């Protein structure tokens, strides 16, 4: 066989292999993304924000508290936070666009600023104009933008293991390349258990925390149609986010940080605490990147104490006025 024929045969076989693998990858994506967000038994309700279905969970009555989850999180991330806060407050947890049971939109603005504006519109639609806002990880960056862009709407801020734009840009600096090659890794998603657990093991302090129910709660929303495409869009959009200064935050801020967070080291929390004028940092013992879930009692106690600071001060002032008047 001549060298030319051999090269043509190899080229033809290579082309067939690539075509076959690409077809299998598309099959894997269809198998993996088998849920429709609007027909997947979502636990909450929906808002139509400029044509995008945004899922949210609401509970309780009183002053408003808004919860914003992190990367690949959802309202499920706050399953221990919502019931406790709802005893005193009206609590609204929002699935960001492309996450949880919210829609995965083509060619949408998945930047942190874009997400913060969706949250702002959802708040407006729900009659929320003066809320305490709690953001975890990427949700902390969204909450920070909300506080800076709509300062009159945010009375207090709680940042939990919060990422900043510099870290997000570093983590997604190869976003354009990943967006192209991500579909080629789709066949791996058909056998996800081992990779799921490996990811989670780096996020938590105690591996015993990772029950099958928790893994299912986190990974079920990833089976929504369009999820991989939206993840690819988000990887590229992070590079376009403007840099904002935490030093411009005027709201009282509580920073909670897992003492053993290996994704975002506690030193980042210390730096954030030094930058925000009216802030305090509390390290959460025996917790990694998911302190609200690994140590819910500790975190709920700290959050409630922080939210009630003004209430206690107002109550003391009213009591003093009443005593003076008498």
Protein backbone atom coordinates (compact mmCIF):
# COMPACT_ATOMS: atom_id res chain seq x y z
CA UNK A 1 0.00 0.00 0.00
CA UNK A 2 1.40 3.37 -1.00
CA UNK A 3 2.06 6.06 1.58
CA UNK A 4 -0.70 8.20 0.04
CA UNK A 5 -3.31 5.43 0.30
CA UNK A 6 -2.23 4.69 3.87
CA UNK A 7 -2.57 8.36 4.80
CA UNK A 8 -6.00 8.56 3.16
CA UNK A 9 -7.16 5.43 4.98
CA UNK A 10 -5.90 6.72 8.32
CA UNK A 11 -7.51 10.08 7.65
CA UNK A 12 -10.79 8.43 6.74
CA UNK A 13 -10.79 6.22 9.82
CA UNK A 14 -9.91 9.19 12.00
CA UNK A 15 -12.76 11.19 10.50
CA UNK A 16 -15.19 8.34 11.11
CA UNK A 17 -14.00 8.00 14.69
CA UNK A 18 -14.41 11.72 15.34
CA UNK A 19 -17.85 11.77 13.72
CA UNK A 20 -18.90 8.71 15.69
CA UNK A 21 -17.66 10.13 18.98
CA UNK A 22 -19.36 13.47 18.31
CA UNK A 23 -22.63 11.64 17.64
CA UNK A 24 -22.20 9.65 20.85
CA UNK A 25 -21.48 12.88 22.75
CA UNK A 26 -24.73 14.38 21.49
CA UNK A 27 -26.55 11.22 22.52
CA UNK A 28 -24.95 11.48 25.97
CA UNK A 29 -26.07 15.10 26.31
CA UNK A 30 -29.66 14.14 25.44
CA UNK A 31 -29.55 11.30 27.97
CA UNK A 32 -28.04 13.52 30.67
CA UNK A 33 -30.31 16.53 30.09
CA UNK A 34 -33.62 14.72 30.34
CA UNK A 35 -35.56 17.15 32.56
CA UNK A 36 -37.61 20.20 31.61
CA UNK A 37 -37.33 22.87 34.35
CA UNK A 38 -41.01 23.77 34.06
CA UNK A 39 -42.14 20.15 34.40
CA UNK A 40 -39.69 18.78 36.94
CA UNK A 41 -41.70 19.07 40.16
CA UNK A 42 -39.98 22.25 41.30
CA UNK A 43 -40.47 22.95 45.02
CA UNK A 44 -41.38 26.62 44.58
CA UNK A 45 -43.02 29.10 42.21
CA UNK A 46 -42.02 30.94 39.04
CA UNK A 47 -41.62 34.52 37.88
CA UNK A 48 -41.33 35.59 34.24
CA UNK A 49 -38.39 37.99 34.10
CA UNK A 50 -38.07 39.34 30.55
CA UNK A 51 -39.08 35.98 29.12
CA UNK A 52 -36.94 33.92 31.50
CA UNK A 53 -38.65 31.58 33.96
CA UNK A 54 -37.03 32.21 37.36
CA UNK A 55 -37.77 29.74 40.14
CA UNK A 56 -37.96 30.82 43.77
CA UNK A 57 -39.01 29.44 47.15
CA UNK A 58 -40.80 31.68 49.66
CA UNK A 59 -41.56 31.05 53.34
CA UNK A 60 -42.43 33.00 56.48
CA UNK A 61 -43.62 36.54 57.22
CA UNK A 62 -41.88 39.68 58.39
CA UNK A 63 -38.94 41.69 57.10
CA UNK A 64 -37.51 40.39 53.85
CA UNK A 65 -34.44 38.14 53.57
CA UNK A 66 -33.20 37.13 50.10
CA UNK A 67 -30.97 34.07 49.59
CA UNK A 68 -28.64 33.66 46.57
CA UNK A 69 -26.90 30.33 45.99
CA UNK A 70 -23.46 29.61 44.55
CA UNK A 71 -22.03 27.88 41.47
CA UNK A 72 -24.08 24.80 40.57
CA UNK A 73 -26.20 25.37 43.66
CA UNK A 74 -29.92 26.05 43.94
CA UNK A 75 -32.59 26.72 46.54
CA UNK A 76 -31.68 23.23 47.81
CA UNK A 77 -28.48 24.78 49.21
CA UNK A 78 -30.60 26.68 51.76
CA UNK A 79 -32.77 23.79 52.98
CA UNK A 80 -31.43 24.25 56.55
CA UNK A 81 -31.46 28.05 56.41
CA UNK A 82 -34.99 28.72 55.15
CA UNK A 83 -37.02 27.01 57.93
CA UNK A 84 -35.03 28.66 60.71
CA UNK A 85 -35.12 32.20 59.29
CA UNK A 86 -38.77 31.85 58.23
CA UNK A 87 -39.81 31.74 61.88
CA UNK A 88 -39.07 35.49 62.07
CA UNK A 89 -38.73 36.73 58.49
CA UNK A 90 -40.16 36.50 55.01
CA UNK A 91 -37.51 34.43 53.26
CA UNK A 92 -37.10 34.28 49.47
CA UNK A 93 -34.52 31.93 47.92
CA UNK A 94 -33.94 32.43 44.20
CA UNK A 95 -32.55 30.04 41.59
CA UNK A 96 -30.32 32.15 39.37
CA UNK A 97 -30.76 31.90 35.61
CA UNK A 98 -29.19 28.66 34.41
CA UNK A 99 -29.36 27.00 37.83
CA UNK A 100 -31.77 24.92 39.86
CA UNK A 101 -35.24 24.94 38.33
CA UNK A 102 -34.81 28.25 36.48
CA UNK A 103 -34.59 28.37 32.69
CA UNK A 104 -31.38 27.85 30.70
CA UNK A 105 -31.47 30.60 28.09
CA UNK A 106 -29.49 30.83 24.86
CA UNK A 107 -27.24 33.85 24.37
CA UNK A 108 -28.31 35.41 27.69
CA UNK A 109 -26.27 37.67 29.97
CA UNK A 110 -24.83 35.21 32.47
CA UNK A 111 -22.39 37.72 33.96
CA UNK A 112 -22.49 38.37 37.69
CA UNK A 113 -23.93 41.81 36.95
CA UNK A 114 -26.58 40.29 34.70
CA UNK A 115 -27.53 37.80 37.40
CA UNK A 116 -27.73 40.57 40.00
CA UNK A 117 -30.15 42.47 37.78
CA UNK A 118 -32.37 39.39 37.46
CA UNK A 119 -32.42 39.15 41.26
CA UNK A 120 -33.26 42.86 41.46
CA UNK A 121 -36.17 42.43 39.04
CA UNK A 122 -37.41 39.40 40.97
CA UNK A 123 -37.28 41.41 44.20
CA UNK A 124 -39.21 44.23 42.57
CA UNK A 125 -41.88 41.85 41.30
CA UNK A 126 -42.22 40.33 44.78
CA UNK A 127 -42.47 43.72 46.48
CA UNK A 128 -39.06 43.48 48.15
CA UNK A 129 -37.35 46.86 48.44
CA UNK A 130 -35.39 46.67 51.70
CA UNK A 131 -33.94 43.22 52.29
CA UNK A 132 -31.15 41.50 54.09
CA UNK A 133 -29.33 39.61 51.33
CA UNK A 134 -27.39 36.41 51.94
CA UNK A 135 -25.09 35.09 49.21
CA UNK A 136 -22.97 31.95 49.19
CA UNK A 137 -19.83 31.55 47.06
CA UNK A 138 -20.65 32.91 43.57
CA UNK A 139 -23.93 34.10 45.06
CA UNK A 140 -21.87 36.32 47.35
CA UNK A 141 -20.45 38.08 44.29
CA UNK A 142 -23.99 38.51 42.93
CA UNK A 143 -25.16 39.83 46.31
CA UNK A 144 -22.24 42.26 46.43
CA UNK A 145 -23.22 43.67 43.03
CA UNK A 146 -26.82 43.95 44.16
CA UNK A 147 -25.74 45.91 47.24
CA UNK A 148 -23.54 48.25 45.20
CA UNK A 149 -25.95 48.80 42.30
CA UNK A 150 -29.13 49.04 44.42
CA UNK A 151 -27.92 50.20 47.84
CA UNK A 152 -31.37 51.37 48.95
CA UNK A 153 -32.76 47.87 48.43
CA UNK A 154 -30.21 46.08 50.61
CA UNK A 155 -30.23 46.88 54.31
CA UNK A 156 -27.75 44.18 55.38
CA UNK A 157 -25.40 41.78 53.66
CA UNK A 158 -24.26 38.28 54.62
CA UNK A 159 -21.42 36.84 52.53
CA UNK A 160 -20.70 33.13 52.99
CA UNK A 161 -17.37 31.87 51.57
CA UNK A 162 -17.87 34.52 48.92
CA UNK A 163 -15.96 34.48 45.65
CA UNK A 164 -14.69 37.72 44.10
CA UNK A 165 -14.39 38.66 40.44
CA UNK A 166 -10.61 38.21 40.41
CA UNK A 167 -10.98 34.62 41.61
CA UNK A 168 -13.79 33.96 39.14
CA UNK A 169 -11.72 35.29 36.25
CA UNK A 170 -8.78 33.13 37.29
CA UNK A 171 -10.98 30.04 37.54
CA UNK A 172 -12.55 30.66 34.12
CA UNK A 173 -9.58 32.09 32.21
CA UNK A 174 -9.79 29.18 29.75
CA UNK A 175 -13.55 29.56 29.49
CA UNK A 176 -13.70 29.94 25.69
CA UNK A 177 -11.69 26.76 25.18
CA UNK A 178 -13.73 24.86 27.78
CA UNK A 179 -16.96 26.01 26.15
CA UNK A 180 -15.82 24.35 22.91
CA UNK A 181 -14.53 21.08 24.37
CA UNK A 182 -17.13 20.67 27.14
CA UNK A 183 -19.63 18.78 24.92
CA UNK A 184 -16.90 16.25 24.07
CA UNK A 185 -16.77 15.22 27.72
CA UNK A 186 -20.50 14.51 27.81
CA UNK A 187 -20.13 10.68 27.69
CA UNK A 188 -18.49 10.85 31.11
CA UNK A 189 -21.78 12.21 32.46
CA UNK A 190 -23.50 8.90 31.84
CA UNK A 191 -21.45 7.42 34.68
CA UNK A 192 -21.32 10.39 37.05
CA UNK A 193 -21.31 8.91 40.54
CA UNK A 194 -17.55 8.72 41.06
CA UNK A 195 -16.84 12.17 39.60
CA UNK A 196 -19.70 13.68 41.62
CA UNK A 197 -18.34 12.37 44.89
CA UNK A 198 -14.79 13.44 44.03
CA UNK A 199 -15.96 17.03 43.50
CA UNK A 200 -17.95 17.06 46.72
CA UNK A 201 -15.13 15.60 48.79
CA UNK A 202 -13.06 18.71 48.12
CA UNK A 203 -15.93 20.99 49.16
CA UNK A 204 -16.72 19.55 52.58
CA UNK A 205 -14.74 19.04 55.77
CA UNK A 206 -16.36 15.77 56.82
CA UNK A 207 -16.89 13.16 54.04
CA UNK A 208 -19.61 11.52 56.14
CA UNK A 209 -21.80 14.51 55.30
CA UNK A 210 -22.12 13.33 51.70
CA UNK A 211 -25.19 11.14 51.76
CA UNK A 212 -26.78 9.96 48.48
CA UNK A 213 -29.77 12.23 49.20
CA UNK A 214 -27.53 15.31 49.35
CA UNK A 215 -25.72 14.38 46.16
CA UNK A 216 -29.06 13.85 44.41
CA UNK A 217 -30.33 17.21 45.68
CA UNK A 218 -27.36 18.99 44.16
CA UNK A 219 -27.07 17.08 40.92
CA UNK A 220 -30.70 16.66 39.90
CA UNK A 221 -30.97 20.26 38.59
CA UNK A 222 -27.93 19.62 36.39
CA UNK A 223 -30.11 17.26 34.32
CA UNK A 224 -32.20 20.18 33.03
CA UNK A 225 -32.27 20.65 29.27
CA UNK A 226 -29.69 23.18 28.10
CA UNK A 227 -27.62 22.93 31.29
CA UNK A 228 -24.25 22.18 29.66
CA UNK A 229 -24.74 24.93 27.09
CA UNK A 230 -25.57 27.47 29.79
CA UNK A 231 -22.51 26.38 31.80
CA UNK A 232 -20.38 27.05 28.74
CA UNK A 233 -21.91 30.50 28.32
CA UNK A 234 -21.19 31.28 31.96
CA UNK A 235 -17.55 30.24 31.64
CA UNK A 236 -17.02 32.90 28.99
CA UNK A 237 -19.16 35.62 30.58
CA UNK A 238 -17.06 35.76 33.76
CA UNK A 239 -14.23 37.40 31.84
CA UNK A 240 -16.49 40.35 31.03
CA UNK A 241 -17.50 41.17 34.60
CA UNK A 242 -16.45 44.59 35.79
CA UNK A 243 -14.26 44.86 38.86
CA UNK A 244 -16.08 46.43 41.80
CA UNK A 245 -14.55 47.54 45.08
CA UNK A 246 -15.81 45.87 48.28
CA UNK A 247 -14.63 49.03 50.00
CA UNK A 248 -17.65 50.81 48.50
CA UNK A 249 -20.13 48.59 50.35
CA UNK A 250 -21.97 50.72 52.90
CA UNK A 251 -24.28 48.09 54.38
CA UNK A 252 -23.47 46.30 57.64
CA UNK A 253 -21.94 43.01 56.53
CA UNK A 254 -21.47 39.64 58.18
CA UNK A 255 -18.84 37.38 56.61
CA UNK A 256 -19.09 33.67 57.38
CA UNK A 257 -16.25 31.42 56.24
CA UNK A 258 -15.66 27.70 56.58
CA UNK A 259 -12.53 27.24 58.67
CA UNK A 260 -11.40 24.40 56.39
CA UNK A 261 -12.52 25.75 53.02
CA UNK A 262 -10.07 24.37 50.44
CA UNK A 263 -11.82 26.02 47.50
CA UNK A 264 -11.60 29.56 48.86
CA UNK A 265 -9.09 29.79 51.66
CA UNK A 266 -10.09 31.67 54.86
CA UNK A 267 -7.40 34.24 54.05
CA UNK A 268 -9.73 35.54 51.35
CA UNK A 269 -12.38 36.11 54.00
CA UNK A 270 -9.89 38.01 56.12
CA UNK A 271 -9.00 40.19 53.13
CA UNK A 272 -12.67 40.83 52.39
CA UNK A 273 -13.28 41.76 56.02
CA UNK A 274 -10.42 44.26 55.86
CA UNK A 275 -11.86 45.86 52.71
CA UNK A 276 -15.52 46.26 53.71
CA UNK A 277 -15.82 49.19 56.18
CA UNK A 278 -18.68 47.93 58.37
CA UNK A 279 -18.06 44.18 58.45
CA UNK A 280 -17.19 41.38 60.80
CA UNK A 281 -15.76 37.95 60.04
CA UNK A 282 -16.75 34.72 61.76
CA UNK A 283 -14.94 31.47 60.94
CA UNK A 284 -17.23 28.44 60.98
CA UNK A 285 -15.56 25.50 62.76
CA UNK A 286 -15.55 22.01 61.23
CA UNK A 287 -16.78 23.31 57.88
CA UNK A 288 -15.41 23.49 54.35
CA UNK A 289 -16.92 25.43 51.46
CA UNK A 290 -20.51 24.60 52.49
CA UNK A 291 -20.81 25.90 56.06
CA UNK A 292 -24.55 26.62 55.83
CA UNK A 293 -25.04 22.90 55.32
CA UNK A 294 -22.21 21.34 57.32
CA UNK A 295 -22.82 23.51 60.38
CA UNK A 296 -26.39 24.84 59.99
CA UNK A 297 -27.05 25.45 63.70
CA UNK A 298 -23.90 27.53 64.10
CA UNK A 299 -24.54 29.54 60.93
CA UNK A 300 -28.24 30.12 61.61
CA UNK A 301 -27.42 31.37 65.10
CA UNK A 302 -24.81 33.82 63.75
CA UNK A 303 -27.09 35.05 60.97
CA UNK A 304 -30.06 35.58 63.29
CA UNK A 305 -27.90 37.42 65.80
CA UNK A 306 -26.63 39.68 63.01
CA UNK A 307 -30.10 40.32 61.57
CA UNK A 308 -31.54 41.10 65.00
CA UNK A 309 -28.83 43.56 66.05
CA UNK A 310 -30.84 46.57 64.89
CA UNK A 311 -34.05 45.15 66.33
CA UNK A 312 -32.44 44.86 69.75
CA UNK A 313 -31.05 48.39 69.49
CA UNK A 314 -34.42 49.79 68.39
CA UNK A 315 -36.16 47.97 71.24
CA UNK A 316 -33.73 49.35 73.79
CA UNK A 317 -34.16 52.86 72.41
CA UNK A 318 -37.96 52.62 72.59
CA UNK A 319 -37.77 51.33 76.15
CA UNK A 320 -35.49 54.21 77.13
CA UNK A 321 -37.86 56.74 75.55
CA UNK A 322 -40.84 55.23 77.37
CA UNK A 323 -39.00 55.34 80.69
CA UNK A 324 -38.01 58.97 80.12
CA UNK A 325 -41.57 59.93 79.20
CA UNK A 326 -42.95 58.34 82.36
